[in-house]
């Protein structure tokens, strides 16, 4: 096996360890990321593309060829695009690559359908993306906790004010349709995330706003 491919395999292993140990991702999530990234590593080796010289054209060509060869559904391709973006962000944050072409990747447009509940793996993927957002990660995690932990609509979450969050009592009081208020209890994880964002991280980034997000 080429040394170049051994290197990317090692980086993939480190990335998966980071997901499993530090972010506590589920075995199913790790398996999906591993499969996606092994295919990507094979493509780089077959086409003699260096990870250090990777560009957006290489990524577009890979995803296009991968879709045609395997006849994937767009939802699967969207997951693979997310896997690549997360992996390349990890590499850049760990100074493995200087530039991250993954930021230019567009997620495939999925067909319109009636709302469905996300799977555990899909929710975990969203939280992983939040973990990789640098100084804004606590804001993004707080938003996800409001949506998936509190069951708020996106408009309710974005309009939520600081005085509507009762950290000591572990509840929030959002204003919904028709200006109706409702009392929503917070689970321990949602409470911890919101407490960290509101009382610590938000004050560093946007202390003047009275919006939670």
N, C-alpha and C. Protein backbone atom coordinates (compact mmCIF):
# COMPACT_ATOMS: atom_id res chain seq x y z
N UNK A 1 0.85 -1.20 0.00
CA UNK A 1 0.00 0.00 0.00
C UNK A 1 0.88 1.24 0.00
N UNK A 2 0.51 2.23 -0.75
CA UNK A 2 1.29 3.44 -0.86
C UNK A 2 1.35 4.15 0.48
N UNK A 3 2.51 4.80 0.72
CA UNK A 3 2.68 5.51 1.98
C UNK A 3 1.63 6.59 2.15
N UNK A 4 1.29 7.25 1.00
CA UNK A 4 0.30 8.32 1.04
C UNK A 4 -1.03 7.81 1.58
N UNK A 5 -1.41 6.61 1.16
CA UNK A 5 -2.69 6.08 1.61
C UNK A 5 -2.63 5.64 3.07
N UNK A 6 -1.44 5.17 3.48
CA UNK A 6 -1.27 4.83 4.88
C UNK A 6 -1.48 6.07 5.75
N UNK A 7 -0.99 7.21 5.27
CA UNK A 7 -1.14 8.45 6.02
C UNK A 7 -2.61 8.82 6.19
N UNK A 8 -3.36 8.78 5.10
CA UNK A 8 -4.77 9.18 5.21
C UNK A 8 -5.54 8.16 6.05
N UNK A 9 -5.16 6.88 5.96
CA UNK A 9 -5.81 5.88 6.81
C UNK A 9 -5.56 6.20 8.29
N UNK A 10 -4.34 6.63 8.59
CA UNK A 10 -4.03 6.99 9.97
C UNK A 10 -4.84 8.21 10.42
N UNK A 11 -4.99 9.17 9.53
CA UNK A 11 -5.78 10.36 9.86
C UNK A 11 -7.25 9.99 10.08
N UNK A 12 -7.74 9.07 9.26
CA UNK A 12 -9.13 8.60 9.42
C UNK A 12 -9.30 7.92 10.78
N UNK A 13 -8.33 7.08 11.14
CA UNK A 13 -8.39 6.41 12.44
C UNK A 13 -8.40 7.42 13.59
N UNK A 14 -7.57 8.46 13.48
CA UNK A 14 -7.54 9.49 14.52
C UNK A 14 -8.87 10.23 14.60
N UNK A 15 -9.45 10.50 13.43
CA UNK A 15 -10.73 11.20 13.37
C UNK A 15 -11.83 10.35 14.02
N UNK A 16 -11.85 9.06 13.70
CA UNK A 16 -12.86 8.17 14.28
C UNK A 16 -12.68 8.04 15.79
N UNK A 17 -11.42 8.01 16.23
CA UNK A 17 -11.16 7.96 17.68
C UNK A 17 -11.67 9.23 18.36
N UNK A 18 -11.46 10.36 17.70
CA UNK A 18 -11.95 11.64 18.22
C UNK A 18 -13.47 11.62 18.35
N UNK A 19 -14.14 11.10 17.32
CA UNK A 19 -15.61 11.02 17.36
C UNK A 19 -16.08 10.10 18.47
N UNK A 20 -15.42 8.95 18.60
CA UNK A 20 -15.87 7.96 19.57
C UNK A 20 -15.54 8.29 21.00
N UNK A 21 -14.30 8.75 21.24
CA UNK A 21 -13.84 8.97 22.61
C UNK A 21 -14.23 10.35 23.13
N UNK A 22 -13.93 11.39 22.35
CA UNK A 22 -14.16 12.75 22.84
C UNK A 22 -15.61 13.22 22.64
N UNK A 23 -16.23 12.79 21.53
CA UNK A 23 -17.60 13.24 21.25
C UNK A 23 -18.64 12.17 21.55
N UNK A 24 -18.18 10.96 21.91
CA UNK A 24 -19.09 9.88 22.33
C UNK A 24 -20.15 9.56 21.29
N UNK A 25 -19.74 9.47 20.02
CA UNK A 25 -20.69 9.14 18.96
C UNK A 25 -21.01 7.65 18.97
N UNK A 26 -22.19 7.30 18.48
CA UNK A 26 -22.67 5.92 18.52
C UNK A 26 -21.89 5.04 17.55
N UNK A 27 -21.86 3.71 17.79
CA UNK A 27 -21.19 2.79 16.87
C UNK A 27 -21.73 2.89 15.44
N UNK A 28 -23.03 3.10 15.28
CA UNK A 28 -23.60 3.22 13.94
C UNK A 28 -23.08 4.46 13.22
N UNK A 29 -22.96 5.56 13.95
CA UNK A 29 -22.43 6.78 13.36
C UNK A 29 -20.98 6.58 12.95
N UNK A 30 -20.19 5.97 13.82
CA UNK A 30 -18.78 5.72 13.51
C UNK A 30 -18.63 4.81 12.30
N UNK A 31 -19.48 3.80 12.21
CA UNK A 31 -19.44 2.87 11.08
C UNK A 31 -19.74 3.59 9.77
N UNK A 32 -20.72 4.49 9.78
CA UNK A 32 -21.07 5.25 8.57
C UNK A 32 -19.92 6.15 8.15
N UNK A 33 -19.32 6.86 9.10
CA UNK A 33 -18.19 7.73 8.78
C UNK A 33 -17.02 6.91 8.25
N UNK A 34 -16.76 5.77 8.87
CA UNK A 34 -15.65 4.93 8.44
C UNK A 34 -15.84 4.47 7.00
N UNK A 35 -17.03 4.00 6.67
CA UNK A 35 -17.31 3.54 5.31
C UNK A 35 -17.15 4.67 4.31
N UNK A 36 -17.71 5.83 4.61
CA UNK A 36 -17.62 6.97 3.70
C UNK A 36 -16.17 7.37 3.45
N UNK A 37 -15.38 7.43 4.51
CA UNK A 37 -14.02 7.93 4.39
C UNK A 37 -13.07 6.90 3.79
N UNK A 38 -13.34 5.61 3.98
CA UNK A 38 -12.50 4.59 3.33
C UNK A 38 -12.67 4.66 1.81
N UNK A 39 -13.90 4.87 1.35
CA UNK A 39 -14.13 5.03 -0.10
C UNK A 39 -13.36 6.24 -0.62
N UNK A 40 -13.36 7.30 0.15
CA UNK A 40 -12.66 8.52 -0.25
C UNK A 40 -11.16 8.28 -0.31
N UNK A 41 -10.61 7.56 0.67
CA UNK A 41 -9.18 7.26 0.68
C UNK A 41 -8.79 6.42 -0.54
N UNK A 42 -9.63 5.46 -0.89
CA UNK A 42 -9.36 4.62 -2.07
C UNK A 42 -9.36 5.46 -3.35
N UNK A 43 -10.28 6.41 -3.43
CA UNK A 43 -10.35 7.28 -4.61
C UNK A 43 -9.07 8.12 -4.73
N UNK A 44 -8.59 8.67 -3.62
CA UNK A 44 -7.37 9.47 -3.66
C UNK A 44 -6.18 8.63 -4.11
N UNK A 45 -6.10 7.40 -3.61
CA UNK A 45 -4.99 6.52 -3.99
C UNK A 45 -5.06 6.16 -5.47
N UNK A 46 -6.24 5.78 -5.94
CA UNK A 46 -6.39 5.36 -7.34
C UNK A 46 -6.08 6.49 -8.30
N UNK A 47 -6.36 7.71 -7.90
CA UNK A 47 -6.15 8.86 -8.78
C UNK A 47 -4.89 9.65 -8.44
N UNK A 48 -4.09 9.09 -7.53
CA UNK A 48 -2.82 9.70 -7.14
C UNK A 48 -2.98 11.17 -6.74
N UNK A 49 -3.97 11.41 -5.90
CA UNK A 49 -4.24 12.76 -5.41
C UNK A 49 -3.70 12.89 -3.99
N UNK A 50 -2.85 13.87 -3.78
CA UNK A 50 -2.30 14.11 -2.45
C UNK A 50 -3.31 14.83 -1.57
N UNK A 51 -3.42 14.39 -0.34
CA UNK A 51 -4.32 15.04 0.60
C UNK A 51 -3.93 16.50 0.80
N UNK A 52 -2.63 16.79 0.71
CA UNK A 52 -2.14 18.15 0.93
C UNK A 52 -2.48 19.08 -0.22
N UNK A 53 -2.75 18.52 -1.40
CA UNK A 53 -3.06 19.35 -2.57
C UNK A 53 -4.53 19.22 -2.99
N UNK A 54 -5.33 18.68 -2.12
CA UNK A 54 -6.74 18.45 -2.42
C UNK A 54 -7.46 19.77 -2.69
N UNK A 55 -8.34 19.80 -3.70
CA UNK A 55 -9.10 21.01 -3.99
C UNK A 55 -10.57 20.66 -4.21
N UNK A 56 -11.39 21.67 -4.39
CA UNK A 56 -12.83 21.45 -4.52
C UNK A 56 -13.17 20.68 -5.78
N UNK A 57 -12.36 20.84 -6.84
CA UNK A 57 -12.60 20.09 -8.07
C UNK A 57 -12.44 18.59 -7.83
N UNK A 58 -11.44 18.22 -7.03
CA UNK A 58 -11.24 16.81 -6.68
C UNK A 58 -12.45 16.26 -5.92
N UNK A 59 -12.96 17.05 -4.98
CA UNK A 59 -14.10 16.61 -4.18
C UNK A 59 -15.35 16.45 -5.03
N UNK A 60 -15.59 17.43 -5.91
CA UNK A 60 -16.76 17.35 -6.80
C UNK A 60 -16.67 16.13 -7.71
N UNK A 61 -15.46 15.88 -8.25
CA UNK A 61 -15.27 14.74 -9.14
C UNK A 61 -15.50 13.43 -8.40
N UNK A 62 -15.00 13.35 -7.17
CA UNK A 62 -15.17 12.14 -6.37
C UNK A 62 -16.65 11.87 -6.10
N UNK A 63 -17.37 12.87 -5.63
CA UNK A 63 -18.78 12.68 -5.29
C UNK A 63 -19.61 12.35 -6.53
N UNK A 64 -19.28 12.98 -7.66
CA UNK A 64 -20.01 12.70 -8.90
C UNK A 64 -19.77 11.28 -9.36
N UNK A 65 -18.51 10.85 -9.35
CA UNK A 65 -18.17 9.48 -9.77
C UNK A 65 -18.77 8.47 -8.81
N UNK A 66 -18.71 8.78 -7.53
CA UNK A 66 -19.23 7.87 -6.50
C UNK A 66 -20.73 7.66 -6.67
N UNK A 67 -21.44 8.74 -6.98
CA UNK A 67 -22.89 8.66 -7.15
C UNK A 67 -23.25 7.80 -8.36
N UNK A 68 -22.54 8.02 -9.47
CA UNK A 68 -22.84 7.28 -10.70
C UNK A 68 -22.50 5.80 -10.55
N UNK A 69 -21.37 5.52 -9.91
CA UNK A 69 -20.90 4.14 -9.80
C UNK A 69 -21.78 3.31 -8.88
N UNK A 70 -22.27 3.90 -7.81
CA UNK A 70 -23.00 3.13 -6.79
C UNK A 70 -24.50 3.37 -6.79
N UNK A 71 -24.97 4.29 -7.63
CA UNK A 71 -26.40 4.57 -7.74
C UNK A 71 -27.01 4.91 -6.38
N UNK A 72 -26.31 5.74 -5.63
CA UNK A 72 -26.79 6.12 -4.31
C UNK A 72 -28.00 7.05 -4.40
N UNK A 73 -28.83 7.00 -3.37
CA UNK A 73 -29.89 7.99 -3.22
C UNK A 73 -29.25 9.31 -2.77
N UNK A 74 -29.94 10.40 -3.03
CA UNK A 74 -29.39 11.70 -2.69
C UNK A 74 -29.20 11.86 -1.18
N UNK A 75 -30.03 11.19 -0.40
CA UNK A 75 -29.88 11.28 1.06
C UNK A 75 -28.55 10.67 1.52
N UNK A 76 -28.14 9.57 0.85
CA UNK A 76 -26.86 8.94 1.17
C UNK A 76 -25.71 9.84 0.76
N UNK A 77 -25.83 10.45 -0.42
CA UNK A 77 -24.79 11.35 -0.89
C UNK A 77 -24.68 12.56 0.03
N UNK A 78 -25.80 13.03 0.54
CA UNK A 78 -25.78 14.16 1.48
C UNK A 78 -25.02 13.78 2.75
N UNK A 79 -25.21 12.56 3.23
CA UNK A 79 -24.49 12.11 4.42
C UNK A 79 -22.99 12.02 4.13
N UNK A 80 -22.64 11.52 2.95
CA UNK A 80 -21.23 11.40 2.60
C UNK A 80 -20.57 12.76 2.46
N UNK A 81 -21.31 13.72 1.93
CA UNK A 81 -20.80 15.08 1.83
C UNK A 81 -20.53 15.64 3.23
N UNK A 82 -21.43 15.38 4.15
CA UNK A 82 -21.25 15.82 5.53
C UNK A 82 -20.03 15.15 6.16
N UNK A 83 -19.83 13.87 5.88
CA UNK A 83 -18.67 13.14 6.40
C UNK A 83 -17.38 13.78 5.93
N UNK A 84 -17.31 14.10 4.64
CA UNK A 84 -16.11 14.71 4.08
C UNK A 84 -15.85 16.07 4.72
N UNK A 85 -16.90 16.88 4.83
CA UNK A 85 -16.72 18.21 5.41
C UNK A 85 -16.19 18.12 6.84
N UNK A 86 -16.76 17.23 7.63
CA UNK A 86 -16.35 17.08 9.02
C UNK A 86 -14.90 16.60 9.11
N UNK A 87 -14.55 15.63 8.28
CA UNK A 87 -13.19 15.07 8.29
C UNK A 87 -12.17 16.14 7.90
N UNK A 88 -12.45 16.89 6.85
CA UNK A 88 -11.50 17.91 6.38
C UNK A 88 -11.39 19.05 7.39
N UNK A 89 -12.48 19.38 8.05
CA UNK A 89 -12.42 20.39 9.11
C UNK A 89 -11.53 19.92 10.25
N UNK A 90 -11.66 18.66 10.60
CA UNK A 90 -10.82 18.05 11.64
C UNK A 90 -9.35 18.13 11.25
N UNK A 91 -9.04 17.80 9.99
CA UNK A 91 -7.65 17.84 9.52
C UNK A 91 -7.09 19.26 9.58
N UNK A 92 -7.88 20.22 9.18
CA UNK A 92 -7.40 21.61 9.21
C UNK A 92 -7.19 22.09 10.64
N UNK A 93 -8.10 21.74 11.53
CA UNK A 93 -7.97 22.18 12.92
C UNK A 93 -6.77 21.54 13.61
N UNK A 94 -6.33 20.39 13.08
CA UNK A 94 -5.16 19.71 13.64
C UNK A 94 -3.91 19.93 12.81
N UNK A 95 -3.96 20.95 11.93
CA UNK A 95 -2.81 21.37 11.13
C UNK A 95 -2.26 20.29 10.21
N UNK A 96 -3.14 19.39 9.76
CA UNK A 96 -2.73 18.38 8.78
C UNK A 96 -2.78 18.97 7.38
N UNK A 97 -3.80 19.77 7.12
CA UNK A 97 -3.92 20.48 5.85
C UNK A 97 -4.05 21.97 6.14
N UNK A 98 -3.51 22.79 5.22
CA UNK A 98 -3.55 24.24 5.42
C UNK A 98 -4.90 24.81 5.00
N UNK A 99 -5.40 24.32 3.86
CA UNK A 99 -6.67 24.82 3.32
C UNK A 99 -7.71 23.70 3.35
N UNK A 100 -8.95 24.09 3.57
CA UNK A 100 -10.04 23.12 3.66
C UNK A 100 -11.01 23.32 2.50
N UNK A 101 -10.89 22.54 1.42
CA UNK A 101 -11.82 22.68 0.29
C UNK A 101 -13.23 22.23 0.62
N UNK A 102 -13.40 21.53 1.73
CA UNK A 102 -14.72 21.04 2.11
C UNK A 102 -15.71 22.15 2.40
N UNK A 103 -15.20 23.35 2.71
CA UNK A 103 -16.12 24.45 3.02
C UNK A 103 -16.88 24.91 1.78
N UNK A 104 -16.39 24.51 0.60
CA UNK A 104 -17.06 24.92 -0.64
C UNK A 104 -18.04 23.86 -1.14
N UNK A 105 -18.13 22.75 -0.43
CA UNK A 105 -19.05 21.69 -0.85
C UNK A 105 -20.49 22.08 -0.55
N UNK A 106 -21.34 21.91 -1.53
CA UNK A 106 -22.77 22.12 -1.33
C UNK A 106 -23.44 20.79 -1.05
N UNK A 107 -24.32 20.75 -0.08
CA UNK A 107 -25.08 19.53 0.17
C UNK A 107 -26.08 19.31 -0.96
N UNK A 108 -26.24 18.06 -1.42
CA UNK A 108 -27.21 17.78 -2.48
C UNK A 108 -28.61 18.20 -2.06
N UNK A 109 -29.36 18.73 -3.01
CA UNK A 109 -30.74 19.12 -2.71
C UNK A 109 -31.60 17.86 -2.67
N UNK A 110 -32.30 17.68 -1.59
CA UNK A 110 -33.14 16.50 -1.42
C UNK A 110 -34.56 16.80 -1.86
N UNK A 111 -35.24 15.78 -2.29
CA UNK A 111 -36.62 15.96 -2.74
C UNK A 111 -37.49 16.42 -1.57
N UNK A 112 -38.48 17.23 -1.88
CA UNK A 112 -39.39 17.73 -0.85
C UNK A 112 -40.32 16.61 -0.38
N UNK A 113 -40.48 16.49 0.91
CA UNK A 113 -41.38 15.48 1.46
C UNK A 113 -41.93 15.99 2.77
N UNK A 114 -42.95 15.31 3.27
CA UNK A 114 -43.52 15.71 4.54
C UNK A 114 -42.50 15.50 5.66
N UNK A 115 -42.54 16.35 6.69
CA UNK A 115 -41.56 16.25 7.77
C UNK A 115 -41.54 14.86 8.40
N UNK A 116 -40.34 14.38 8.67
CA UNK A 116 -40.15 13.10 9.34
C UNK A 116 -39.17 13.29 10.49
N UNK A 117 -39.25 12.43 11.47
CA UNK A 117 -38.31 12.50 12.57
C UNK A 117 -36.93 12.09 12.10
N UNK A 118 -35.90 12.78 12.62
CA UNK A 118 -34.54 12.41 12.30
C UNK A 118 -34.15 11.16 13.07
N UNK A 119 -33.25 10.38 12.48
CA UNK A 119 -32.72 9.22 13.19
C UNK A 119 -31.71 9.70 14.23
N UNK A 120 -31.35 8.81 15.15
CA UNK A 120 -30.35 9.14 16.16
C UNK A 120 -29.05 9.53 15.49
N UNK A 121 -28.67 8.78 14.45
CA UNK A 121 -27.42 9.05 13.75
C UNK A 121 -27.43 10.42 13.08
N UNK A 122 -28.58 10.80 12.52
CA UNK A 122 -28.68 12.11 11.86
C UNK A 122 -28.57 13.25 12.87
N UNK A 123 -29.19 13.08 14.03
CA UNK A 123 -29.09 14.10 15.07
C UNK A 123 -27.66 14.19 15.57
N UNK A 124 -27.01 13.04 15.75
CA UNK A 124 -25.62 13.04 16.20
C UNK A 124 -24.71 13.73 15.19
N UNK A 125 -25.01 13.55 13.91
CA UNK A 125 -24.22 14.20 12.86
C UNK A 125 -24.34 15.72 12.96
N UNK A 126 -25.54 16.21 13.29
CA UNK A 126 -25.73 17.65 13.46
C UNK A 126 -24.94 18.17 14.66
N UNK A 127 -24.95 17.41 15.75
CA UNK A 127 -24.18 17.84 16.92
C UNK A 127 -22.68 17.79 16.64
N UNK A 128 -22.27 16.83 15.80
CA UNK A 128 -20.86 16.77 15.42
C UNK A 128 -20.46 18.02 14.65
N UNK A 129 -21.31 18.42 13.71
CA UNK A 129 -21.04 19.64 12.96
C UNK A 129 -20.92 20.84 13.90
N UNK A 130 -21.77 20.87 14.92
CA UNK A 130 -21.71 21.97 15.89
C UNK A 130 -20.38 21.96 16.64
N UNK A 131 -19.90 20.76 17.00
CA UNK A 131 -18.64 20.64 17.74
C UNK A 131 -17.48 21.22 16.95
N UNK A 132 -17.60 21.25 15.62
CA UNK A 132 -16.50 21.68 14.76
C UNK A 132 -16.60 23.15 14.35
N UNK A 133 -17.48 23.90 15.01
CA UNK A 133 -17.70 25.30 14.61
C UNK A 133 -16.89 26.30 15.43
N UNK A 134 -15.82 25.85 16.06
CA UNK A 134 -14.94 26.77 16.76
C UNK A 134 -15.64 27.54 17.87
N UNK A 135 -15.45 28.86 17.86
CA UNK A 135 -15.97 29.69 18.95
C UNK A 135 -17.50 29.73 18.99
N UNK A 136 -18.16 29.35 17.88
CA UNK A 136 -19.62 29.38 17.83
C UNK A 136 -20.25 28.03 18.16
N UNK A 137 -19.45 27.05 18.56
CA UNK A 137 -20.00 25.71 18.76
C UNK A 137 -21.06 25.68 19.87
N UNK A 138 -20.88 26.49 20.92
CA UNK A 138 -21.86 26.45 22.01
C UNK A 138 -23.18 27.08 21.60
N UNK A 139 -23.12 28.10 20.75
CA UNK A 139 -24.37 28.67 20.23
C UNK A 139 -25.12 27.64 19.40
N UNK A 140 -24.38 26.94 18.50
CA UNK A 140 -25.02 25.96 17.63
C UNK A 140 -25.56 24.78 18.43
N UNK A 141 -24.80 24.35 19.45
CA UNK A 141 -25.28 23.25 20.29
C UNK A 141 -26.51 23.67 21.10
N UNK A 142 -26.52 24.92 21.54
CA UNK A 142 -27.70 25.42 22.28
C UNK A 142 -28.92 25.43 21.37
N UNK A 143 -28.74 25.85 20.12
CA UNK A 143 -29.85 25.86 19.17
C UNK A 143 -30.37 24.45 18.95
N UNK A 144 -29.47 23.49 18.77
CA UNK A 144 -29.88 22.10 18.55
C UNK A 144 -30.62 21.55 19.77
N UNK A 145 -30.17 21.91 20.96
CA UNK A 145 -30.85 21.44 22.17
C UNK A 145 -32.26 22.02 22.26
N UNK A 146 -32.43 23.27 21.84
CA UNK A 146 -33.76 23.88 21.84
C UNK A 146 -34.68 23.18 20.84
N UNK A 147 -34.11 22.81 19.69
CA UNK A 147 -34.92 22.17 18.65
C UNK A 147 -35.23 20.72 18.98
N UNK A 148 -34.19 19.95 19.35
CA UNK A 148 -34.37 18.51 19.52
C UNK A 148 -34.56 18.10 20.98
N UNK A 149 -34.05 18.90 21.90
CA UNK A 149 -34.28 18.61 23.31
C UNK A 149 -35.56 19.24 23.83
N UNK A 150 -35.85 20.46 23.34
CA UNK A 150 -37.03 21.17 23.81
C UNK A 150 -38.22 21.09 22.88
N UNK A 151 -37.99 20.64 21.64
CA UNK A 151 -39.08 20.51 20.69
C UNK A 151 -39.59 21.84 20.13
N UNK A 152 -38.75 22.88 20.17
CA UNK A 152 -39.18 24.18 19.67
C UNK A 152 -39.15 24.22 18.14
N UNK A 153 -40.01 25.04 17.56
CA UNK A 153 -39.91 25.35 16.14
C UNK A 153 -38.71 26.27 15.96
N UNK A 154 -38.16 26.31 14.74
CA UNK A 154 -36.98 27.14 14.51
C UNK A 154 -37.28 28.60 14.82
N UNK A 155 -38.48 29.07 14.47
CA UNK A 155 -38.84 30.47 14.73
C UNK A 155 -38.91 30.74 16.24
N UNK A 156 -39.41 29.77 17.00
CA UNK A 156 -39.49 29.92 18.45
C UNK A 156 -38.09 29.98 19.07
N UNK A 157 -37.20 29.13 18.58
CA UNK A 157 -35.84 29.09 19.11
C UNK A 157 -35.11 30.40 18.82
N UNK A 158 -35.26 30.91 17.60
CA UNK A 158 -34.55 32.13 17.22
C UNK A 158 -35.11 33.37 17.91
N UNK A 159 -36.37 33.31 18.32
CA UNK A 159 -37.00 34.46 18.99
C UNK A 159 -36.95 34.36 20.52
N UNK A 160 -36.40 33.26 21.04
CA UNK A 160 -36.36 33.07 22.49
C UNK A 160 -35.45 34.11 23.14
N UNK A 161 -35.95 34.76 24.20
CA UNK A 161 -35.19 35.77 24.93
C UNK A 161 -34.60 35.18 26.21
N UNK A 162 -33.57 35.85 26.70
CA UNK A 162 -32.88 35.39 27.90
C UNK A 162 -33.85 35.25 29.08
N UNK A 163 -34.76 36.22 29.24
CA UNK A 163 -35.67 36.17 30.39
C UNK A 163 -36.68 35.03 30.29
N UNK A 164 -36.78 34.39 29.11
CA UNK A 164 -37.69 33.26 28.95
C UNK A 164 -37.03 31.93 29.28
N UNK A 165 -35.77 31.98 29.68
CA UNK A 165 -35.04 30.77 30.07
C UNK A 165 -34.79 30.83 31.57
N UNK A 166 -35.37 29.90 32.29
CA UNK A 166 -35.22 29.83 33.74
C UNK A 166 -34.25 28.69 34.08
N UNK A 167 -32.96 29.03 34.14
CA UNK A 167 -31.96 27.99 34.36
C UNK A 167 -32.10 27.35 35.74
N UNK A 168 -32.41 28.14 36.76
CA UNK A 168 -32.53 27.59 38.11
C UNK A 168 -33.70 26.61 38.23
N UNK A 169 -34.75 26.86 37.47
CA UNK A 169 -35.93 26.00 37.51
C UNK A 169 -35.92 24.94 36.41
N UNK A 170 -34.95 25.04 35.48
CA UNK A 170 -34.81 24.07 34.38
C UNK A 170 -36.03 24.04 33.47
N UNK A 171 -36.47 25.23 33.03
CA UNK A 171 -37.52 25.27 32.02
C UNK A 171 -37.35 26.50 31.14
N UNK A 172 -38.03 26.47 30.00
CA UNK A 172 -38.07 27.62 29.11
C UNK A 172 -39.53 27.94 28.81
N UNK A 173 -39.78 29.20 28.45
CA UNK A 173 -41.15 29.64 28.17
C UNK A 173 -41.17 30.34 26.81
N UNK A 174 -41.17 29.56 25.73
CA UNK A 174 -41.18 30.17 24.40
C UNK A 174 -42.56 30.71 24.04
N UNK A 175 -42.57 31.63 23.08
CA UNK A 175 -43.82 32.17 22.54
C UNK A 175 -44.04 31.56 21.17
N UNK A 176 -45.16 30.86 21.02
CA UNK A 176 -45.44 30.17 19.76
C UNK A 176 -46.45 30.91 18.91
N UNK A 177 -47.15 30.14 18.08
CA UNK A 177 -48.14 30.72 17.19
C UNK A 177 -49.26 31.38 17.99
N UNK A 178 -49.72 32.53 17.48
CA UNK A 178 -50.78 33.25 18.17
C UNK A 178 -50.33 33.85 19.49
N UNK A 179 -49.00 34.06 19.62
CA UNK A 179 -48.42 34.63 20.85
C UNK A 179 -48.76 33.82 22.10
N UNK A 180 -48.95 32.52 21.91
CA UNK A 180 -49.24 31.65 23.05
C UNK A 180 -47.94 31.17 23.69
N UNK A 181 -47.88 31.24 25.01
CA UNK A 181 -46.72 30.76 25.75
C UNK A 181 -46.96 29.35 26.26
N UNK A 182 -45.88 28.59 26.35
CA UNK A 182 -45.99 27.27 26.97
C UNK A 182 -44.73 27.01 27.79
N UNK A 183 -44.90 26.19 28.80
CA UNK A 183 -43.81 25.87 29.72
C UNK A 183 -43.19 24.55 29.29
N UNK A 184 -41.87 24.56 29.03
CA UNK A 184 -41.18 23.35 28.56
C UNK A 184 -40.04 23.03 29.52
N UNK A 185 -40.08 21.85 30.17
CA UNK A 185 -38.97 21.46 31.05
C UNK A 185 -37.73 21.09 30.24
N UNK A 186 -36.57 21.31 30.83
CA UNK A 186 -35.31 21.00 30.16
C UNK A 186 -34.68 19.75 30.78
N UNK A 187 -34.19 18.86 29.92
CA UNK A 187 -33.43 17.72 30.39
C UNK A 187 -32.05 18.17 30.84
N UNK A 188 -31.31 17.29 31.50
CA UNK A 188 -30.01 17.67 32.07
C UNK A 188 -29.02 18.11 31.00
N UNK A 189 -28.97 17.40 29.86
CA UNK A 189 -28.02 17.77 28.81
C UNK A 189 -28.38 19.12 28.20
N UNK A 190 -29.67 19.33 27.92
CA UNK A 190 -30.11 20.62 27.37
C UNK A 190 -29.82 21.74 28.35
N UNK A 191 -30.08 21.49 29.62
CA UNK A 191 -29.85 22.51 30.65
C UNK A 191 -28.37 22.87 30.75
N UNK A 192 -27.50 21.85 30.77
CA UNK A 192 -26.06 22.10 30.87
C UNK A 192 -25.56 22.90 29.67
N UNK A 193 -26.03 22.53 28.48
CA UNK A 193 -25.58 23.23 27.27
C UNK A 193 -26.04 24.68 27.27
N UNK A 194 -27.31 24.90 27.59
CA UNK A 194 -27.84 26.27 27.62
C UNK A 194 -27.16 27.10 28.70
N UNK A 195 -26.89 26.49 29.83
CA UNK A 195 -26.23 27.22 30.93
C UNK A 195 -24.83 27.66 30.51
N UNK A 196 -24.09 26.77 29.85
CA UNK A 196 -22.74 27.11 29.39
C UNK A 196 -22.79 28.23 28.36
N UNK A 197 -23.74 28.14 27.42
CA UNK A 197 -23.85 29.15 26.38
C UNK A 197 -24.29 30.50 26.95
N UNK A 198 -25.33 30.51 27.76
CA UNK A 198 -25.91 31.77 28.23
C UNK A 198 -25.01 32.47 29.25
N UNK A 199 -24.46 31.72 30.19
CA UNK A 199 -23.72 32.35 31.29
C UNK A 199 -22.23 32.51 31.03
N UNK A 200 -21.71 31.82 29.99
CA UNK A 200 -20.28 31.92 29.73
C UNK A 200 -19.96 32.34 28.29
N UNK A 201 -20.22 31.45 27.35
CA UNK A 201 -19.75 31.67 25.98
C UNK A 201 -20.45 32.83 25.28
N UNK A 202 -21.74 33.00 25.49
CA UNK A 202 -22.48 34.09 24.83
C UNK A 202 -21.94 35.45 25.24
N UNK A 203 -21.52 35.57 26.47
CA UNK A 203 -21.01 36.84 26.98
C UNK A 203 -19.72 37.25 26.30
N UNK A 204 -18.98 36.27 25.77
CA UNK A 204 -17.74 36.56 25.06
C UNK A 204 -17.99 37.03 23.64
N UNK A 205 -19.13 36.61 23.06
CA UNK A 205 -19.36 36.82 21.64
C UNK A 205 -20.43 37.85 21.32
N UNK A 206 -21.51 37.85 22.07
CA UNK A 206 -22.62 38.75 21.76
C UNK A 206 -23.34 39.18 23.04
N UNK A 207 -22.64 39.89 23.93
CA UNK A 207 -23.21 40.20 25.25
C UNK A 207 -24.34 41.21 25.22
N UNK A 208 -24.47 41.99 24.15
CA UNK A 208 -25.48 43.05 24.11
C UNK A 208 -26.88 42.54 23.77
N UNK A 209 -26.95 41.40 23.07
CA UNK A 209 -28.25 40.90 22.63
C UNK A 209 -29.01 40.22 23.76
N UNK A 210 -30.34 40.38 23.75
CA UNK A 210 -31.16 39.68 24.74
C UNK A 210 -31.76 38.40 24.17
N UNK A 211 -31.39 38.07 22.92
CA UNK A 211 -31.80 36.80 22.32
C UNK A 211 -30.88 35.68 22.83
N UNK A 212 -31.45 34.51 23.04
CA UNK A 212 -30.63 33.36 23.43
C UNK A 212 -29.71 32.97 22.29
N UNK A 213 -30.25 32.88 21.07
CA UNK A 213 -29.46 32.51 19.90
C UNK A 213 -29.13 33.76 19.08
